[in-house]
């Protein structure tokens, strides 16, 4: 379910299903996907917020299996990116 909050954009909550969590290969897949976005895409874990286009930022979240993430886009025109990113994470990064 996509949540719309005009003050922060659109967001979606997901859980990491990959047994290896967020690692370098999965972070690279995320960064590659969000490079197509027109605006910023963010990943939030607990109180930490990472730029989803930067592998090192994604890795700094230290997301393990079953971690809860909030995906956030600044521009509604990136809704397809938001949905594709959620699907990528929920499907274990295709691994």
PDB file of N, CA and C in Angstrom:
ATOM      1  N   UNK A   1       0.843  -1.180   0.000  1.00  0.00           N
ATOM      2  CA  UNK A   1       0.000   0.000   0.000  1.00  0.00           C
ATOM      3  C   UNK A   1       0.887   1.241   0.000  1.00  0.00           C
ATOM      4  N   UNK A   2       0.648   2.112  -0.928  1.00  0.00           N
ATOM      5  CA  UNK A   2       1.390   3.366  -1.042  1.00  0.00           C
ATOM      6  C   UNK A   2       0.691   4.425  -0.201  1.00  0.00           C
ATOM      7  N   UNK A   3       1.474   5.118   0.620  1.00  0.00           N
ATOM      8  CA  UNK A   3       0.928   6.188   1.447  1.00  0.00           C
ATOM      9  C   UNK A   3       1.315   7.519   0.834  1.00  0.00           C
ATOM     10  N   UNK A   4       0.356   8.436   0.785  1.00  0.00           N
ATOM     11  CA  UNK A   4       0.599   9.758   0.233  1.00  0.00           C
ATOM     12  C   UNK A   4       0.577  10.781   1.354  1.00  0.00           C
ATOM     13  N   UNK A   5       1.694  11.446   1.513  1.00  0.00           N
ATOM     14  CA  UNK A   5       1.793  12.531   2.471  1.00  0.00           C
ATOM     15  C   UNK A   5       2.445  13.683   1.729  1.00  0.00           C
ATOM     16  N   UNK A   6       1.686  14.687   1.387  1.00  0.00           N
ATOM     17  CA  UNK A   6       2.194  15.766   0.543  1.00  0.00           C
ATOM     18  C   UNK A   6       3.434  16.437   1.124  1.00  0.00           C
ATOM     19  N   UNK A   7       3.626  16.354   2.423  1.00  0.00           N
ATOM     20  CA  UNK A   7       4.804  16.974   3.025  1.00  0.00           C
ATOM     21  C   UNK A   7       6.069  16.162   2.763  1.00  0.00           C
ATOM     22  N   UNK A   8       5.923  14.842   2.574  1.00  0.00           N
ATOM     23  CA  UNK A   8       7.114  14.011   2.397  1.00  0.00           C
ATOM     24  C   UNK A   8       7.100  13.193   1.122  1.00  0.00           C
ATOM     25  N   UNK A   9       6.085  13.257   0.305  1.00  0.00           N
ATOM     26  CA  UNK A   9       6.028  12.460  -0.915  1.00  0.00           C
ATOM     27  C   UNK A   9       5.240  11.178  -0.712  1.00  0.00           C
ATOM     28  N   UNK A  10       5.608  10.162  -1.471  1.00  0.00           N
ATOM     29  CA  UNK A  10       4.941   8.868  -1.388  1.00  0.00           C
ATOM     30  C   UNK A  10       5.867   7.865  -0.727  1.00  0.00           C
ATOM     31  N   UNK A  11       5.290   6.987   0.087  1.00  0.00           N
ATOM     32  CA  UNK A  11       6.113   5.992   0.773  1.00  0.00           C
ATOM     33  C   UNK A  11       5.453   4.628   0.741  1.00  0.00           C
ATOM     34  N   UNK A  12       6.275   3.624   0.949  1.00  0.00           N
ATOM     35  CA  UNK A  12       5.798   2.247   0.982  1.00  0.00           C
ATOM     36  C   UNK A  12       6.652   1.486   1.986  1.00  0.00           C
ATOM     37  N   UNK A  13       6.022   0.670   2.806  1.00  0.00           N
ATOM     38  CA  UNK A  13       6.737  -0.145   3.788  1.00  0.00           C
ATOM     39  C   UNK A  13       6.963  -1.548   3.240  1.00  0.00           C
ATOM     40  N   UNK A  14       8.185  -2.052   3.430  1.00  0.00           N
ATOM     41  CA  UNK A  14       8.544  -3.387   2.970  1.00  0.00           C
ATOM     42  C   UNK A  14       9.435  -4.048   4.015  1.00  0.00           C
ATOM     43  N   UNK A  15       9.613  -5.354   3.864  1.00  0.00           N
ATOM     44  CA  UNK A  15      10.536  -6.105   4.721  1.00  0.00           C
ATOM     45  C   UNK A  15      11.545  -6.818   3.829  1.00  0.00           C
ATOM     46  N   UNK A  16      12.770  -6.895   4.296  1.00  0.00           N
ATOM     47  CA  UNK A  16      13.816  -7.599   3.554  1.00  0.00           C
ATOM     48  C   UNK A  16      13.573  -9.096   3.691  1.00  0.00           C
ATOM     49  N   UNK A  17      13.458  -9.785   2.559  1.00  0.00           N
ATOM     50  CA  UNK A  17      13.202 -11.228   2.577  1.00  0.00           C
ATOM     51  C   UNK A  17      14.447 -12.047   2.259  1.00  0.00           C
ATOM     52  N   UNK A  18      15.458 -11.418   1.697  1.00  0.00           N
ATOM     53  CA  UNK A  18      16.678 -12.125   1.326  1.00  0.00           C
ATOM     54  C   UNK A  18      17.421 -12.574   2.578  1.00  0.00           C
ATOM     55  N   UNK A  19      17.798 -13.864   2.661  1.00  0.00           N
ATOM     56  CA  UNK A  19      18.513 -14.351   3.847  1.00  0.00           C
ATOM     57  C   UNK A  19      19.827 -13.608   4.119  1.00  0.00           C
ATOM     58  N   UNK A  20      20.433 -13.043   3.083  1.00  0.00           N
ATOM     59  CA  UNK A  20      21.690 -12.309   3.253  1.00  0.00           C
ATOM     60  C   UNK A  20      21.470 -10.838   3.583  1.00  0.00           C
ATOM     61  N   UNK A  21      20.215 -10.394   3.581  1.00  0.00           N
ATOM     62  CA  UNK A  21      19.913  -9.000   3.884  1.00  0.00           C
ATOM     63  C   UNK A  21      20.373  -8.075   2.783  1.00  0.00           C
ATOM     64  N   UNK A  22      20.662  -6.827   3.154  1.00  0.00           N
ATOM     65  CA  UNK A  22      21.191  -5.838   2.207  1.00  0.00           C
ATOM     66  C   UNK A  22      22.707  -6.018   2.143  1.00  0.00           C
ATOM     67  N   UNK A  23      23.205  -6.449   1.008  1.00  0.00           N
ATOM     68  CA  UNK A  23      24.641  -6.630   0.823  1.00  0.00           C
ATOM     69  C   UNK A  23      25.046  -5.887  -0.442  1.00  0.00           C
ATOM     70  N   UNK A  24      26.290  -5.963  -0.834  1.00  0.00           N
ATOM     71  CA  UNK A  24      26.798  -5.154  -1.944  1.00  0.00           C
ATOM     72  C   UNK A  24      26.049  -5.404  -3.254  1.00  0.00           C
ATOM     73  N   UNK A  25      25.787  -6.645  -3.585  1.00  0.00           N
ATOM     74  CA  UNK A  25      25.109  -6.951  -4.844  1.00  0.00           C
ATOM     75  C   UNK A  25      23.676  -6.416  -4.846  1.00  0.00           C
ATOM     76  N   UNK A  26      22.971  -6.597  -3.748  1.00  0.00           N
ATOM     77  CA  UNK A  26      21.594  -6.097  -3.675  1.00  0.00           C
ATOM     78  C   UNK A  26      21.573  -4.569  -3.657  1.00  0.00           C
ATOM     79  N   UNK A  27      22.525  -3.951  -2.974  1.00  0.00           N
ATOM     80  CA  UNK A  27      22.606  -2.487  -2.954  1.00  0.00           C
ATOM     81  C   UNK A  27      22.870  -1.946  -4.353  1.00  0.00           C
ATOM     82  N   UNK A  28      23.697  -2.645  -5.120  1.00  0.00           N
ATOM     83  CA  UNK A  28      23.980  -2.219  -6.499  1.00  0.00           C
ATOM     84  C   UNK A  28      22.726  -2.309  -7.364  1.00  0.00           C
ATOM     85  N   UNK A  29      21.917  -3.346  -7.154  1.00  0.00           N
ATOM     86  CA  UNK A  29      20.661  -3.485  -7.906  1.00  0.00           C
ATOM     87  C   UNK A  29      19.705  -2.340  -7.569  1.00  0.00           C
ATOM     88  N   UNK A  30      19.633  -1.985  -6.303  1.00  0.00           N
ATOM     89  CA  UNK A  30      18.776  -0.872  -5.881  1.00  0.00           C
ATOM     90  C   UNK A  30      19.254   0.425  -6.520  1.00  0.00           C
ATOM     91  N   UNK A  31      20.546   0.709  -6.414  1.00  0.00           N
ATOM     92  CA  UNK A  31      21.098   1.957  -6.947  1.00  0.00           C
ATOM     93  C   UNK A  31      20.876   2.055  -8.461  1.00  0.00           C
ATOM     94  N   UNK A  32      21.053   0.953  -9.153  1.00  0.00           N
ATOM     95  CA  UNK A  32      20.847   0.956 -10.607  1.00  0.00           C
ATOM     96  C   UNK A  32      19.388   1.259 -10.944  1.00  0.00           C
ATOM     97  N   UNK A  33      18.475   0.654 -10.216  1.00  0.00           N
ATOM     98  CA  UNK A  33      17.048   0.873 -10.455  1.00  0.00           C
ATOM     99  C   UNK A  33      16.654   2.332 -10.235  1.00  0.00           C
ATOM    100  N   UNK A  34      17.108   2.926  -9.144  1.00  0.00           N
ATOM    101  CA  UNK A  34      16.651   4.277  -8.807  1.00  0.00           C
ATOM    102  C   UNK A  34      17.361   5.368  -9.602  1.00  0.00           C
ATOM    103  N   UNK A  35      18.396   5.033 -10.341  1.00  0.00           N
ATOM    104  CA  UNK A  35      19.063   6.030 -11.197  1.00  0.00           C
ATOM    105  C   UNK A  35      18.090   6.590 -12.229  1.00  0.00           C
ATOM    106  N   UNK A  36      17.029   5.843 -12.541  1.00  0.00           N
ATOM    107  CA  UNK A  36      16.032   6.277 -13.516  1.00  0.00           C
ATOM    108  C   UNK A  36      15.030   7.283 -12.924  1.00  0.00           C
ATOM    109  N   UNK A  37      15.054   7.474 -11.627  1.00  0.00           N
ATOM    110  CA  UNK A  37      14.086   8.360 -10.960  1.00  0.00           C
ATOM    111  C   UNK A  37      14.357   9.819 -11.293  1.00  0.00           C
ATOM    112  N   UNK A  38      13.303  10.598 -11.342  1.00  0.00           N
ATOM    113  CA  UNK A  38      13.413  12.034 -11.612  1.00  0.00           C
ATOM    114  C   UNK A  38      13.793  12.827 -10.369  1.00  0.00           C
ATOM    115  N   UNK A  39      13.478  12.266  -9.211  1.00  0.00           N
ATOM    116  CA  UNK A  39      13.777  12.947  -7.955  1.00  0.00           C
ATOM    117  C   UNK A  39      14.483  11.964  -7.021  1.00  0.00           C
ATOM    118  N   UNK A  40      14.712  12.394  -5.812  1.00  0.00           N
ATOM    119  CA  UNK A  40      15.387  11.549  -4.831  1.00  0.00           C
ATOM    120  C   UNK A  40      14.502  10.376  -4.409  1.00  0.00           C
ATOM    121  N   UNK A  41      15.153   9.253  -4.184  1.00  0.00           N
ATOM    122  CA  UNK A  41      14.520   8.061  -3.626  1.00  0.00           C
ATOM    123  C   UNK A  41      15.280   7.742  -2.354  1.00  0.00           C
ATOM    124  N   UNK A  42      14.554   7.502  -1.287  1.00  0.00           N
ATOM    125  CA  UNK A  42      15.167   7.280   0.023  1.00  0.00           C
ATOM    126  C   UNK A  42      14.759   5.917   0.567  1.00  0.00           C
ATOM    127  N   UNK A  43      15.638   5.331   1.361  1.00  0.00           N
ATOM    128  CA  UNK A  43      15.328   4.121   2.124  1.00  0.00           C
ATOM    129  C   UNK A  43      15.532   4.475   3.587  1.00  0.00           C
ATOM    130  N   UNK A  44      14.514   4.196   4.385  1.00  0.00           N
ATOM    131  CA  UNK A  44      14.569   4.529   5.808  1.00  0.00           C
ATOM    132  C   UNK A  44      14.463   3.245   6.617  1.00  0.00           C
ATOM    133  N   UNK A  45      15.409   3.072   7.533  1.00  0.00           N
ATOM    134  CA  UNK A  45      15.394   1.932   8.463  1.00  0.00           C
ATOM    135  C   UNK A  45      15.574   2.504   9.863  1.00  0.00           C
ATOM    136  N   UNK A  46      14.606   2.234  10.699  1.00  0.00           N
ATOM    137  CA  UNK A  46      14.589   2.818  12.040  1.00  0.00           C
ATOM    138  C   UNK A  46      14.650   4.346  11.888  1.00  0.00           C
ATOM    139  N   UNK A  47      15.688   4.978  12.395  1.00  0.00           N
ATOM    140  CA  UNK A  47      15.794   6.442  12.282  1.00  0.00           C
ATOM    141  C   UNK A  47      16.833   6.859  11.247  1.00  0.00           C
ATOM    142  N   UNK A  48      17.384   5.893  10.510  1.00  0.00           N
ATOM    143  CA  UNK A  48      18.410   6.187   9.522  1.00  0.00           C
ATOM    144  C   UNK A  48      17.802   6.299   8.131  1.00  0.00           C
ATOM    145  N   UNK A  49      18.255   7.299   7.385  1.00  0.00           N
ATOM    146  CA  UNK A  49      17.733   7.574   6.049  1.00  0.00           C
ATOM    147  C   UNK A  49      18.893   7.540   5.064  1.00  0.00           C
ATOM    148  N   UNK A  50      18.754   6.734   4.009  1.00  0.00           N
ATOM    149  CA  UNK A  50      19.819   6.576   3.027  1.00  0.00           C
ATOM    150  C   UNK A  50      19.343   6.979   1.640  1.00  0.00           C
ATOM    151  N   UNK A  51      20.234   7.606   0.893  1.00  0.00           N
ATOM    152  CA  UNK A  51      19.996   7.923  -0.514  1.00  0.00           C
ATOM    153  C   UNK A  51      20.071   6.610  -1.287  1.00  0.00           C
ATOM    154  N   UNK A  52      18.973   6.206  -1.908  1.00  0.00           N
ATOM    155  CA  UNK A  52      18.893   4.898  -2.563  1.00  0.00           C
ATOM    156  C   UNK A  52      19.704   4.817  -3.849  1.00  0.00           C
ATOM    157  N   UNK A  53      20.284   5.917  -4.282  1.00  0.00           N
ATOM    158  CA  UNK A  53      21.120   5.879  -5.481  1.00  0.00           C
ATOM    159  C   UNK A  53      22.594   5.671  -5.136  1.00  0.00           C
ATOM    160  N   UNK A  54      22.911   5.609  -3.847  1.00  0.00           N
ATOM    161  CA  UNK A  54      24.303   5.473  -3.401  1.00  0.00           C
ATOM    162  C   UNK A  54      24.502   4.166  -2.639  1.00  0.00           C
ATOM    163  N   UNK A  55      25.309   3.286  -3.218  1.00  0.00           N
ATOM    164  CA  UNK A  55      25.528   1.957  -2.641  1.00  0.00           C
ATOM    165  C   UNK A  55      26.027   2.053  -1.204  1.00  0.00           C
ATOM    166  N   UNK A  56      26.982   2.908  -0.952  1.00  0.00           N
ATOM    167  CA  UNK A  56      27.548   3.010   0.396  1.00  0.00           C
ATOM    168  C   UNK A  56      26.498   3.460   1.409  1.00  0.00           C
ATOM    169  N   UNK A  57      25.604   4.355   1.000  1.00  0.00           N
ATOM    170  CA  UNK A  57      24.528   4.792   1.898  1.00  0.00           C
ATOM    171  C   UNK A  57      23.588   3.630   2.221  1.00  0.00           C
ATOM    172  N   UNK A  58      23.261   2.836   1.199  1.00  0.00           N
ATOM    173  CA  UNK A  58      22.371   1.688   1.400  1.00  0.00           C
ATOM    174  C   UNK A  58      23.006   0.702   2.368  1.00  0.00           C
ATOM    175  N   UNK A  59      24.291   0.413   2.165  1.00  0.00           N
ATOM    176  CA  UNK A  59      24.987  -0.537   3.032  1.00  0.00           C
ATOM    177  C   UNK A  59      25.068  -0.049   4.474  1.00  0.00           C
ATOM    178  N   UNK A  60      25.105   1.262   4.659  1.00  0.00           N
ATOM    179  CA  UNK A  60      25.207   1.815   6.020  1.00  0.00           C
ATOM    180  C   UNK A  60      23.962   1.519   6.857  1.00  0.00           C
ATOM    181  N   UNK A  61      22.872   1.141   6.203  1.00  0.00           N
ATOM    182  CA  UNK A  61      21.651   0.798   6.943  1.00  0.00           C
ATOM    183  C   UNK A  61      21.772  -0.539   7.664  1.00  0.00           C
ATOM    184  N   UNK A  62      22.713  -1.377   7.236  1.00  0.00           N
ATOM    185  CA  UNK A  62      22.940  -2.690   7.854  1.00  0.00           C
ATOM    186  C   UNK A  62      21.631  -3.484   7.966  1.00  0.00           C
ATOM    187  N   UNK A  63      20.921  -3.574   6.852  1.00  0.00           N
ATOM    188  CA  UNK A  63      19.640  -4.275   6.844  1.00  0.00           C
ATOM    189  C   UNK A  63      19.816  -5.783   6.785  1.00  0.00           C
ATOM    190  N   UNK A  64      19.305  -6.464   7.780  1.00  0.00           N
ATOM    191  CA  UNK A  64      19.347  -7.928   7.804  1.00  0.00           C
ATOM    192  C   UNK A  64      17.967  -8.470   7.409  1.00  0.00           C
ATOM    193  N   UNK A  65      17.904  -9.779   7.207  1.00  0.00           N
ATOM    194  CA  UNK A  65      16.625 -10.404   6.850  1.00  0.00           C
ATOM    195  C   UNK A  65      15.558  -9.993   7.862  1.00  0.00           C
ATOM    196  N   UNK A  66      14.384  -9.709   7.365  1.00  0.00           N
ATOM    197  CA  UNK A  66      13.209  -9.304   8.143  1.00  0.00           C
ATOM    198  C   UNK A  66      13.258  -7.869   8.659  1.00  0.00           C
ATOM    199  N   UNK A  67      14.305  -7.113   8.312  1.00  0.00           N
ATOM    200  CA  UNK A  67      14.326  -5.690   8.676  1.00  0.00           C
ATOM    201  C   UNK A  67      13.182  -4.978   7.972  1.00  0.00           C
ATOM    202  N   UNK A  68      12.576  -4.046   8.659  1.00  0.00           N
ATOM    203  CA  UNK A  68      11.488  -3.241   8.097  1.00  0.00           C
ATOM    204  C   UNK A  68      12.075  -1.957   7.506  1.00  0.00           C
ATOM    205  N   UNK A  69      11.702  -1.680   6.263  1.00  0.00           N
ATOM    206  CA  UNK A  69      12.173  -0.490   5.570  1.00  0.00           C
ATOM    207  C   UNK A  69      10.990   0.346   5.114  1.00  0.00           C
ATOM    208  N   UNK A  70      11.195   1.639   5.034  1.00  0.00           N
ATOM    209  CA  UNK A  70      10.244   2.537   4.392  1.00  0.00           C
ATOM    210  C   UNK A  70      10.930   3.103   3.163  1.00  0.00           C
ATOM    211  N   UNK A  71      10.286   2.960   2.029  1.00  0.00           N
ATOM    212  CA  UNK A  71      10.784   3.508   0.774  1.00  0.00           C
ATOM    213  C   UNK A  71      10.052   4.810   0.536  1.00  0.00           C
ATOM    214  N   UNK A  72      10.770   5.833   0.143  1.00  0.00           N
ATOM    215  CA  UNK A  72      10.184   7.161   0.013  1.00  0.00           C
ATOM    216  C   UNK A  72      10.644   7.819  -1.278  1.00  0.00           C
ATOM    217  N   UNK A  73       9.704   8.379  -2.027  1.00  0.00           N
ATOM    218  CA  UNK A  73      10.038   9.159  -3.214  1.00  0.00           C
ATOM    219  C   UNK A  73       9.547  10.585  -3.016  1.00  0.00           C
ATOM    220  N   UNK A  74      10.308  11.520  -3.563  1.00  0.00           N
ATOM    221  CA  UNK A  74       9.959  12.935  -3.418  1.00  0.00           C
ATOM    222  C   UNK A  74       8.948  13.400  -4.458  1.00  0.00           C
ATOM    223  N   UNK A  75       8.860  12.696  -5.584  1.00  0.00           N
ATOM    224  CA  UNK A  75       8.025  13.130  -6.704  1.00  0.00           C
ATOM    225  C   UNK A  75       7.077  12.008  -7.113  1.00  0.00           C
ATOM    226  N   UNK A  76       5.802  12.307  -7.183  1.00  0.00           N
ATOM    227  CA  UNK A  76       4.803  11.288  -7.525  1.00  0.00           C
ATOM    228  C   UNK A  76       5.013  10.688  -8.907  1.00  0.00           C
ATOM    229  N   UNK A  77       5.735  11.382  -9.776  1.00  0.00           N
ATOM    230  CA  UNK A  77       5.985  10.831 -11.117  1.00  0.00           C
ATOM    231  C   UNK A  77       6.901   9.603 -11.050  1.00  0.00           C
ATOM    232  N   UNK A  78       7.534   9.364  -9.901  1.00  0.00           N
ATOM    233  CA  UNK A  78       8.408   8.201  -9.718  1.00  0.00           C
ATOM    234  C   UNK A  78       7.693   7.016  -9.066  1.00  0.00           C
ATOM    235  N   UNK A  79       6.371   6.993  -9.126  1.00  0.00           N
ATOM    236  CA  UNK A  79       5.603   5.912  -8.497  1.00  0.00           C
ATOM    237  C   UNK A  79       5.995   4.538  -9.035  1.00  0.00           C
ATOM    238  N   UNK A  80       6.306   4.450 -10.326  1.00  0.00           N
ATOM    239  CA  UNK A  80       6.721   3.154 -10.886  1.00  0.00           C
ATOM    240  C   UNK A  80       8.046   2.702 -10.291  1.00  0.00           C
ATOM    241  N   UNK A  81       8.947   3.634 -10.054  1.00  0.00           N
ATOM    242  CA  UNK A  81      10.229   3.312  -9.413  1.00  0.00           C
ATOM    243  C   UNK A  81       9.971   2.802  -7.999  1.00  0.00           C
ATOM    244  N   UNK A  82       9.092   3.470  -7.278  1.00  0.00           N
ATOM    245  CA  UNK A  82       8.751   3.049  -5.918  1.00  0.00           C
ATOM    246  C   UNK A  82       8.211   1.623  -5.921  1.00  0.00           C
ATOM    247  N   UNK A  83       7.285   1.335  -6.815  1.00  0.00           N
ATOM    248  CA  UNK A  83       6.698  -0.007  -6.877  1.00  0.00           C
ATOM    249  C   UNK A  83       7.709  -1.057  -7.317  1.00  0.00           C
ATOM    250  N   UNK A  84       8.568  -0.720  -8.294  1.00  0.00           N
ATOM    251  CA  UNK A  84       9.600  -1.656  -8.749  1.00  0.00           C
ATOM    252  C   UNK A  84      10.609  -1.927  -7.640  1.00  0.00           C
ATOM    253  N   UNK A  85      10.965  -0.901  -6.888  1.00  0.00           N
ATOM    254  CA  UNK A  85      11.905  -1.063  -5.778  1.00  0.00           C
ATOM    255  C   UNK A  85      11.311  -1.948  -4.688  1.00  0.00           C
ATOM    256  N   UNK A  86      10.058  -1.729  -4.358  1.00  0.00           N
ATOM    257  CA  UNK A  86       9.392  -2.563  -3.352  1.00  0.00           C
ATOM    258  C   UNK A  86       9.354  -4.019  -3.806  1.00  0.00           C
ATOM    259  N   UNK A  87       9.034  -4.235  -5.067  1.00  0.00           N
ATOM    260  CA  UNK A  87       8.966  -5.594  -5.622  1.00  0.00           C
ATOM    261  C   UNK A  87      10.350  -6.261  -5.583  1.00  0.00           C
ATOM    262  N   UNK A  88      11.396  -5.505  -5.926  1.00  0.00           N
ATOM    263  CA  UNK A  88      12.760  -6.030  -5.900  1.00  0.00           C
ATOM    264  C   UNK A  88      13.132  -6.505  -4.500  1.00  0.00           C
ATOM    265  N   UNK A  89      12.849  -5.691  -3.500  1.00  0.00           N
ATOM    266  CA  UNK A  89      13.188  -6.041  -2.114  1.00  0.00           C
ATOM    267  C   UNK A  89      12.340  -7.211  -1.624  1.00  0.00           C
ATOM    268  N   UNK A  90      11.037  -7.163  -1.881  1.00  0.00           N
ATOM    269  CA  UNK A  90      10.141  -8.220  -1.418  1.00  0.00           C
ATOM    270  C   UNK A  90      10.437  -9.557  -2.086  1.00  0.00           C
ATOM    271  N   UNK A  91      11.025  -9.535  -3.296  1.00  0.00           N
ATOM    272  CA  UNK A  91      11.349 -10.774  -4.019  1.00  0.00           C
ATOM    273  C   UNK A  91      12.790 -11.214  -3.783  1.00  0.00           C
ATOM    274  N   UNK A  92      13.402 -10.707  -2.736  1.00  0.00           N
ATOM    275  CA  UNK A  92      14.748 -11.153  -2.351  1.00  0.00           C
ATOM    276  C   UNK A  92      15.840 -10.733  -3.313  1.00  0.00           C
ATOM    277  N   UNK A  93      15.634  -9.640  -4.038  1.00  0.00           N
ATOM    278  CA  UNK A  93      16.616  -9.097  -4.981  1.00  0.00           C
ATOM    279  C   UNK A  93      16.890 -10.045  -6.133  1.00  0.00           C
ATOM    280  N   UNK A  94      15.959 -10.966  -6.388  1.00  0.00           N
ATOM    281  CA  UNK A  94      16.108 -11.885  -7.511  1.00  0.00           C
ATOM    282  C   UNK A  94      17.166 -12.945  -7.289  1.00  0.00           C
ATOM    283  N   UNK A  95      17.528 -13.181  -6.056  1.00  0.00           N
ATOM    284  CA  UNK A  95      18.563 -14.183  -5.747  1.00  0.00           C
ATOM    285  C   UNK A  95      17.955 -15.471  -5.249  1.00  0.00           C
TER     286      UNK A  95
END
